[in-house]
């Protein structure tokens, strides 16, 4: 006796099981924006490099953070 092979289920277009989670909106950072980072704490954007990296001043040190960064948020 042969077993039936499992087939992929077809979902309706409006089904919540068919869709993937929407991507979070990308934040735009500008010079002098106040930000917070999970590791470094509160800081201020010093410069923006081609929307791919930020240089942020956290107190006495400058940190270069590549974008997108889940640990960074604008205040």
PDB file of N, CA and C in Angstrom:
ATOM      1  N   UNK A   1       0.835  -1.174   0.000  1.00  0.00           N
ATOM      2  CA  UNK A   1       0.000   0.000   0.000  1.00  0.00           C
ATOM      3  C   UNK A   1       0.882   1.240   0.000  1.00  0.00           C
ATOM      4  N   UNK A   2       0.608   2.165  -0.903  1.00  0.00           N
ATOM      5  CA  UNK A   2       1.371   3.403  -0.986  1.00  0.00           C
ATOM      6  C   UNK A   2       0.727   4.477  -0.133  1.00  0.00           C
ATOM      7  N   UNK A   3       1.591   5.261   0.501  1.00  0.00           N
ATOM      8  CA  UNK A   3       1.096   6.387   1.284  1.00  0.00           C
ATOM      9  C   UNK A   3       0.987   7.604   0.385  1.00  0.00           C
ATOM     10  N   UNK A   4      -0.026   8.384   0.613  1.00  0.00           N
ATOM     11  CA  UNK A   4      -0.205   9.604  -0.168  1.00  0.00           C
ATOM     12  C   UNK A   4       0.847  10.624   0.258  1.00  0.00           C
ATOM     13  N   UNK A   5       1.421  11.311  -0.716  1.00  0.00           N
ATOM     14  CA  UNK A   5       2.416  12.333  -0.408  1.00  0.00           C
ATOM     15  C   UNK A   5       1.716  13.595   0.080  1.00  0.00           C
ATOM     16  N   UNK A   6       2.331  14.231   1.010  1.00  0.00           N
ATOM     17  CA  UNK A   6       1.786  15.490   1.507  1.00  0.00           C
ATOM     18  C   UNK A   6       1.963  16.565   0.440  1.00  0.00           C
ATOM     19  N   UNK A   7       0.945  17.338   0.234  1.00  0.00           N
ATOM     20  CA  UNK A   7       1.026  18.421  -0.743  1.00  0.00           C
ATOM     21  C   UNK A   7       1.012  19.751  -0.017  1.00  0.00           C
ATOM     22  N   UNK A   8       1.491  20.760  -0.688  1.00  0.00           N
ATOM     23  CA  UNK A   8       1.456  22.101  -0.106  1.00  0.00           C
ATOM     24  C   UNK A   8       0.025  22.605  -0.115  1.00  0.00           C
ATOM     25  N   UNK A   9      -0.354  23.191   0.972  1.00  0.00           N
ATOM     26  CA  UNK A   9      -1.697  23.749   1.061  1.00  0.00           C
ATOM     27  C   UNK A   9      -1.749  25.073   0.343  1.00  0.00           C
ATOM     28  N   UNK A  10      -2.836  25.309  -0.311  1.00  0.00           N
ATOM     29  CA  UNK A  10      -3.057  26.605  -0.942  1.00  0.00           C
ATOM     30  C   UNK A  10      -3.930  27.429  -0.013  1.00  0.00           C
ATOM     31  N   UNK A  11      -3.476  28.618   0.285  1.00  0.00           N
ATOM     32  CA  UNK A  11      -4.220  29.498   1.171  1.00  0.00           C
ATOM     33  C   UNK A  11      -4.937  30.564   0.350  1.00  0.00           C
ATOM     34  N   UNK A  12      -5.996  31.063   0.886  1.00  0.00           N
ATOM     35  CA  UNK A  12      -6.701  32.166   0.249  1.00  0.00           C
ATOM     36  C   UNK A  12      -5.829  33.418   0.300  1.00  0.00           C
ATOM     37  N   UNK A  13      -5.969  34.328  -0.651  1.00  0.00           N
ATOM     38  CA  UNK A  13      -5.144  35.542  -0.643  1.00  0.00           C
ATOM     39  C   UNK A  13      -5.319  36.392   0.618  1.00  0.00           C
ATOM     40  N   UNK A  14      -6.462  36.307   1.264  1.00  0.00           N
ATOM     41  CA  UNK A  14      -6.705  37.113   2.464  1.00  0.00           C
ATOM     42  C   UNK A  14      -6.383  36.368   3.753  1.00  0.00           C
ATOM     43  N   UNK A  15      -5.835  35.158   3.632  1.00  0.00           N
ATOM     44  CA  UNK A  15      -5.529  34.358   4.799  1.00  0.00           C
ATOM     45  C   UNK A  15      -4.366  34.956   5.584  1.00  0.00           C
ATOM     46  N   UNK A  16      -4.451  35.009   6.913  1.00  0.00           N
ATOM     47  CA  UNK A  16      -3.342  35.535   7.711  1.00  0.00           C
ATOM     48  C   UNK A  16      -2.157  34.577   7.744  1.00  0.00           C
ATOM     49  N   UNK A  17      -2.329  33.323   7.356  1.00  0.00           N
ATOM     50  CA  UNK A  17      -1.260  32.336   7.372  1.00  0.00           C
ATOM     51  C   UNK A  17      -0.400  32.409   6.113  1.00  0.00           C
ATOM     52  N   UNK A  18      -0.865  33.089   5.095  1.00  0.00           N
ATOM     53  CA  UNK A  18      -0.169  33.165   3.816  1.00  0.00           C
ATOM     54  C   UNK A  18       0.859  34.283   3.779  1.00  0.00           C
ATOM     55  N   UNK A  19       0.668  35.304   4.560  1.00  0.00           N
ATOM     56  CA  UNK A  19       1.525  36.476   4.455  1.00  0.00           C
ATOM     57  C   UNK A  19       2.711  36.388   5.404  1.00  0.00           C
ATOM     58  N   UNK A  20       3.769  37.087   5.032  1.00  0.00           N
ATOM     59  CA  UNK A  20       4.920  37.206   5.911  1.00  0.00           C
ATOM     60  C   UNK A  20       4.781  38.503   6.705  1.00  0.00           C
ATOM     61  N   UNK A  21       5.547  38.602   7.752  1.00  0.00           N
ATOM     62  CA  UNK A  21       5.474  39.799   8.589  1.00  0.00           C
ATOM     63  C   UNK A  21       6.006  40.996   7.812  1.00  0.00           C
ATOM     64  N   UNK A  22       5.349  42.144   7.909  1.00  0.00           N
ATOM     65  CA  UNK A  22       5.833  43.319   7.186  1.00  0.00           C
ATOM     66  C   UNK A  22       7.163  43.800   7.768  1.00  0.00           C
ATOM     67  N   UNK A  23       8.007  44.329   6.917  1.00  0.00           N
ATOM     68  CA  UNK A  23       9.303  44.831   7.356  1.00  0.00           C
ATOM     69  C   UNK A  23       9.097  46.113   8.168  1.00  0.00           C
ATOM     70  N   UNK A  24       9.871  46.274   9.247  1.00  0.00           N
ATOM     71  CA  UNK A  24       9.727  47.494  10.030  1.00  0.00           C
ATOM     72  C   UNK A  24      10.186  48.694   9.211  1.00  0.00           C
ATOM     73  N   UNK A  25       9.592  49.852   9.444  1.00  0.00           N
ATOM     74  CA  UNK A  25       9.988  51.030   8.669  1.00  0.00           C
ATOM     75  C   UNK A  25      11.431  51.423   8.976  1.00  0.00           C
ATOM     76  N   UNK A  26      12.137  51.874   7.954  1.00  0.00           N
ATOM     77  CA  UNK A  26      13.519  52.289   8.116  1.00  0.00           C
ATOM     78  C   UNK A  26      13.543  53.718   8.649  1.00  0.00           C
ATOM     79  N   UNK A  27      14.310  53.927   9.708  1.00  0.00           N
ATOM     80  CA  UNK A  27      14.387  55.259  10.302  1.00  0.00           C
ATOM     81  C   UNK A  27      15.427  56.096   9.567  1.00  0.00           C
ATOM     82  N   UNK A  28      15.118  57.351   9.369  1.00  0.00           N
ATOM     83  CA  UNK A  28      16.064  58.289   8.777  1.00  0.00           C
ATOM     84  C   UNK A  28      16.726  59.065   9.900  1.00  0.00           C
ATOM     85  N   UNK A  29      18.049  59.043   9.911  1.00  0.00           N
ATOM     86  CA  UNK A  29      18.797  59.766  10.934  1.00  0.00           C
ATOM     87  C   UNK A  29      19.473  60.966  10.294  1.00  0.00           C
ATOM     88  N   UNK A  30      19.491  62.075  11.006  1.00  0.00           N
ATOM     89  CA  UNK A  30      20.148  63.290  10.557  1.00  0.00           C
ATOM     90  C   UNK A  30      21.119  63.740  11.639  1.00  0.00           C
ATOM     91  N   UNK A  31      22.025  64.601  11.262  1.00  0.00           N
ATOM     92  CA  UNK A  31      22.996  65.139  12.211  1.00  0.00           C
ATOM     93  C   UNK A  31      22.235  65.861  13.329  1.00  0.00           C
ATOM     94  N   UNK A  32      22.673  65.665  14.545  1.00  0.00           N
ATOM     95  CA  UNK A  32      22.131  66.258  15.772  1.00  0.00           C
ATOM     96  C   UNK A  32      20.875  65.553  16.278  1.00  0.00           C
ATOM     97  N   UNK A  33      20.479  64.422  15.678  1.00  0.00           N
ATOM     98  CA  UNK A  33      19.364  63.640  16.226  1.00  0.00           C
ATOM     99  C   UNK A  33      19.819  62.966  17.515  1.00  0.00           C
ATOM    100  N   UNK A  34      18.937  62.941  18.497  1.00  0.00           N
ATOM    101  CA  UNK A  34      19.225  62.248  19.741  1.00  0.00           C
ATOM    102  C   UNK A  34      18.765  60.806  19.610  1.00  0.00           C
ATOM    103  N   UNK A  35      19.636  59.859  19.966  1.00  0.00           N
ATOM    104  CA  UNK A  35      19.349  58.436  19.799  1.00  0.00           C
ATOM    105  C   UNK A  35      19.668  57.699  21.087  1.00  0.00           C
ATOM    106  N   UNK A  36      19.173  56.475  21.158  1.00  0.00           N
ATOM    107  CA  UNK A  36      19.518  55.597  22.256  1.00  0.00           C
ATOM    108  C   UNK A  36      19.924  54.241  21.691  1.00  0.00           C
ATOM    109  N   UNK A  37      20.936  53.641  22.318  1.00  0.00           N
ATOM    110  CA  UNK A  37      21.464  52.354  21.889  1.00  0.00           C
ATOM    111  C   UNK A  37      21.421  51.417  23.090  1.00  0.00           C
ATOM    112  N   UNK A  38      21.113  50.141  22.842  1.00  0.00           N
ATOM    113  CA  UNK A  38      20.981  49.187  23.943  1.00  0.00           C
ATOM    114  C   UNK A  38      22.288  49.011  24.724  1.00  0.00           C
ATOM    115  N   UNK A  39      23.426  49.097  24.043  1.00  0.00           N
ATOM    116  CA  UNK A  39      24.714  48.873  24.698  1.00  0.00           C
ATOM    117  C   UNK A  39      25.352  50.172  25.190  1.00  0.00           C
ATOM    118  N   UNK A  40      25.331  51.229  24.346  1.00  0.00           N
ATOM    119  CA  UNK A  40      26.059  52.458  24.654  1.00  0.00           C
ATOM    120  C   UNK A  40      25.227  53.512  25.365  1.00  0.00           C
ATOM    121  N   UNK A  41      23.915  53.420  25.305  1.00  0.00           N
ATOM    122  CA  UNK A  41      23.057  54.367  26.000  1.00  0.00           C
ATOM    123  C   UNK A  41      22.647  55.544  25.141  1.00  0.00           C
ATOM    124  N   UNK A  42      22.533  56.714  25.757  1.00  0.00           N
ATOM    125  CA  UNK A  42      22.051  57.926  25.097  1.00  0.00           C
ATOM    126  C   UNK A  42      23.184  58.607  24.341  1.00  0.00           C
ATOM    127  N   UNK A  43      22.881  59.048  23.121  1.00  0.00           N
ATOM    128  CA  UNK A  43      23.907  59.709  22.311  1.00  0.00           C
ATOM    129  C   UNK A  43      23.294  60.659  21.310  1.00  0.00           C
ATOM    130  N   UNK A  44      24.176  61.309  20.529  1.00  0.00           N
ATOM    131  CA  UNK A  44      23.745  62.260  19.509  1.00  0.00           C
ATOM    132  C   UNK A  44      24.506  61.964  18.219  1.00  0.00           C
ATOM    133  N   UNK A  45      23.781  61.996  17.080  1.00  0.00           N
ATOM    134  CA  UNK A  45      24.382  61.714  15.781  1.00  0.00           C
ATOM    135  C   UNK A  45      25.340  62.842  15.423  1.00  0.00           C
ATOM    136  N   UNK A  46      26.601  62.482  15.113  1.00  0.00           N
ATOM    137  CA  UNK A  46      27.621  63.452  14.747  1.00  0.00           C
ATOM    138  C   UNK A  46      27.696  63.580  13.231  1.00  0.00           C
ATOM    139  N   UNK A  47      27.657  62.426  12.513  1.00  0.00           N
ATOM    140  CA  UNK A  47      27.667  62.475  11.054  1.00  0.00           C
ATOM    141  C   UNK A  47      26.992  61.242  10.479  1.00  0.00           C
ATOM    142  N   UNK A  48      26.530  61.381   9.234  1.00  0.00           N
ATOM    143  CA  UNK A  48      25.857  60.297   8.514  1.00  0.00           C
ATOM    144  C   UNK A  48      26.700  59.978   7.287  1.00  0.00           C
ATOM    145  N   UNK A  49      27.041  58.697   7.091  1.00  0.00           N
ATOM    146  CA  UNK A  49      27.862  58.276   5.958  1.00  0.00           C
ATOM    147  C   UNK A  49      26.997  57.531   4.944  1.00  0.00           C
ATOM    148  N   UNK A  50      26.524  58.196   3.914  1.00  0.00           N
ATOM    149  CA  UNK A  50      25.796  57.576   2.792  1.00  0.00           C
ATOM    150  C   UNK A  50      24.648  56.669   3.226  1.00  0.00           C
ATOM    151  N   UNK A  51      23.974  56.971   4.290  1.00  0.00           N
ATOM    152  CA  UNK A  51      22.864  56.162   4.817  1.00  0.00           C
ATOM    153  C   UNK A  51      23.254  54.718   5.109  1.00  0.00           C
ATOM    154  N   UNK A  52      24.558  54.428   5.196  1.00  0.00           N
ATOM    155  CA  UNK A  52      24.986  53.070   5.505  1.00  0.00           C
ATOM    156  C   UNK A  52      25.621  52.970   6.883  1.00  0.00           C
ATOM    157  N   UNK A  53      26.060  54.091   7.422  1.00  0.00           N
ATOM    158  CA  UNK A  53      26.674  54.092   8.749  1.00  0.00           C
ATOM    159  C   UNK A  53      26.440  55.444   9.414  1.00  0.00           C
ATOM    160  N   UNK A  54      26.462  55.422  10.730  1.00  0.00           N
ATOM    161  CA  UNK A  54      26.322  56.641  11.526  1.00  0.00           C
ATOM    162  C   UNK A  54      27.505  56.746  12.470  1.00  0.00           C
ATOM    163  N   UNK A  55      27.950  57.951  12.712  1.00  0.00           N
ATOM    164  CA  UNK A  55      28.937  58.187  13.761  1.00  0.00           C
ATOM    165  C   UNK A  55      28.193  58.922  14.860  1.00  0.00           C
ATOM    166  N   UNK A  56      28.184  58.299  16.029  1.00  0.00           N
ATOM    167  CA  UNK A  56      27.383  58.796  17.144  1.00  0.00           C
ATOM    168  C   UNK A  56      28.296  59.071  18.322  1.00  0.00           C
ATOM    169  N   UNK A  57      28.095  60.216  18.948  1.00  0.00           N
ATOM    170  CA  UNK A  57      28.838  60.565  20.146  1.00  0.00           C
ATOM    171  C   UNK A  57      28.071  60.121  21.382  1.00  0.00           C
ATOM    172  N   UNK A  58      28.683  59.204  22.127  1.00  0.00           N
ATOM    173  CA  UNK A  58      28.111  58.733  23.394  1.00  0.00           C
ATOM    174  C   UNK A  58      29.000  59.267  24.510  1.00  0.00           C
ATOM    175  N   UNK A  59      28.692  60.437  24.988  1.00  0.00           N
ATOM    176  CA  UNK A  59      29.498  61.032  26.059  1.00  0.00           C
ATOM    177  C   UNK A  59      30.881  61.399  25.555  1.00  0.00           C
ATOM    178  N   UNK A  60      31.924  60.706  26.017  1.00  0.00           N
ATOM    179  CA  UNK A  60      33.300  61.031  25.650  1.00  0.00           C
ATOM    180  C   UNK A  60      33.833  60.217  24.482  1.00  0.00           C
ATOM    181  N   UNK A  61      33.055  59.295  23.922  1.00  0.00           N
ATOM    182  CA  UNK A  61      33.575  58.487  22.805  1.00  0.00           C
ATOM    183  C   UNK A  61      32.659  58.547  21.599  1.00  0.00           C
ATOM    184  N   UNK A  62      33.261  58.369  20.427  1.00  0.00           N
ATOM    185  CA  UNK A  62      32.537  58.298  19.167  1.00  0.00           C
ATOM    186  C   UNK A  62      32.484  56.837  18.729  1.00  0.00           C
ATOM    187  N   UNK A  63      31.301  56.406  18.265  1.00  0.00           N
ATOM    188  CA  UNK A  63      31.105  55.028  17.831  1.00  0.00           C
ATOM    189  C   UNK A  63      30.510  55.045  16.429  1.00  0.00           C
ATOM    190  N   UNK A  64      31.085  54.214  15.544  1.00  0.00           N
ATOM    191  CA  UNK A  64      30.558  54.072  14.182  1.00  0.00           C
ATOM    192  C   UNK A  64      29.638  52.863  14.170  1.00  0.00           C
ATOM    193  N   UNK A  65      28.382  53.067  13.800  1.00  0.00           N
ATOM    194  CA  UNK A  65      27.381  52.004  13.803  1.00  0.00           C
ATOM    195  C   UNK A  65      26.851  51.835  12.391  1.00  0.00           C
ATOM    196  N   UNK A  66      26.922  50.595  11.897  1.00  0.00           N
ATOM    197  CA  UNK A  66      26.423  50.278  10.565  1.00  0.00           C
ATOM    198  C   UNK A  66      24.903  50.209  10.602  1.00  0.00           C
ATOM    199  N   UNK A  67      24.284  50.643   9.521  1.00  0.00           N
ATOM    200  CA  UNK A  67      22.827  50.625   9.422  1.00  0.00           C
ATOM    201  C   UNK A  67      22.374  49.489   8.545  1.00  0.00           C
ATOM    202  N   UNK A  68      21.244  48.874   8.744  1.00  0.00           N
ATOM    203  CA  UNK A  68      20.294  49.098   9.839  1.00  0.00           C
ATOM    204  C   UNK A  68      20.764  48.420  11.120  1.00  0.00           C
ATOM    205  N   UNK A  69      20.424  48.998  12.221  1.00  0.00           N
ATOM    206  CA  UNK A  69      20.818  48.484  13.529  1.00  0.00           C
ATOM    207  C   UNK A  69      19.565  48.366  14.388  1.00  0.00           C
ATOM    208  N   UNK A  70      19.272  47.139  14.818  1.00  0.00           N
ATOM    209  CA  UNK A  70      18.060  46.903  15.611  1.00  0.00           C
ATOM    210  C   UNK A  70      18.177  47.480  17.016  1.00  0.00           C
ATOM    211  N   UNK A  71      19.404  47.663  17.501  1.00  0.00           N
ATOM    212  CA  UNK A  71      19.595  48.150  18.862  1.00  0.00           C
ATOM    213  C   UNK A  71      19.548  49.666  18.973  1.00  0.00           C
ATOM    214  N   UNK A  72      19.410  50.359  17.841  1.00  0.00           N
ATOM    215  CA  UNK A  72      19.441  51.812  17.821  1.00  0.00           C
ATOM    216  C   UNK A  72      18.060  52.366  17.511  1.00  0.00           C
ATOM    217  N   UNK A  73      17.632  53.356  18.263  1.00  0.00           N
ATOM    218  CA  UNK A  73      16.344  53.998  17.976  1.00  0.00           C
ATOM    219  C   UNK A  73      16.447  55.492  18.213  1.00  0.00           C
ATOM    220  N   UNK A  74      15.665  56.223  17.440  1.00  0.00           N
ATOM    221  CA  UNK A  74      15.665  57.679  17.525  1.00  0.00           C
ATOM    222  C   UNK A  74      14.682  58.120  18.602  1.00  0.00           C
ATOM    223  N   UNK A  75      15.062  59.139  19.334  1.00  0.00           N
ATOM    224  CA  UNK A  75      14.162  59.676  20.369  1.00  0.00           C
ATOM    225  C   UNK A  75      13.434  60.884  19.869  1.00  0.00           C
TER     226      UNK A  75
END
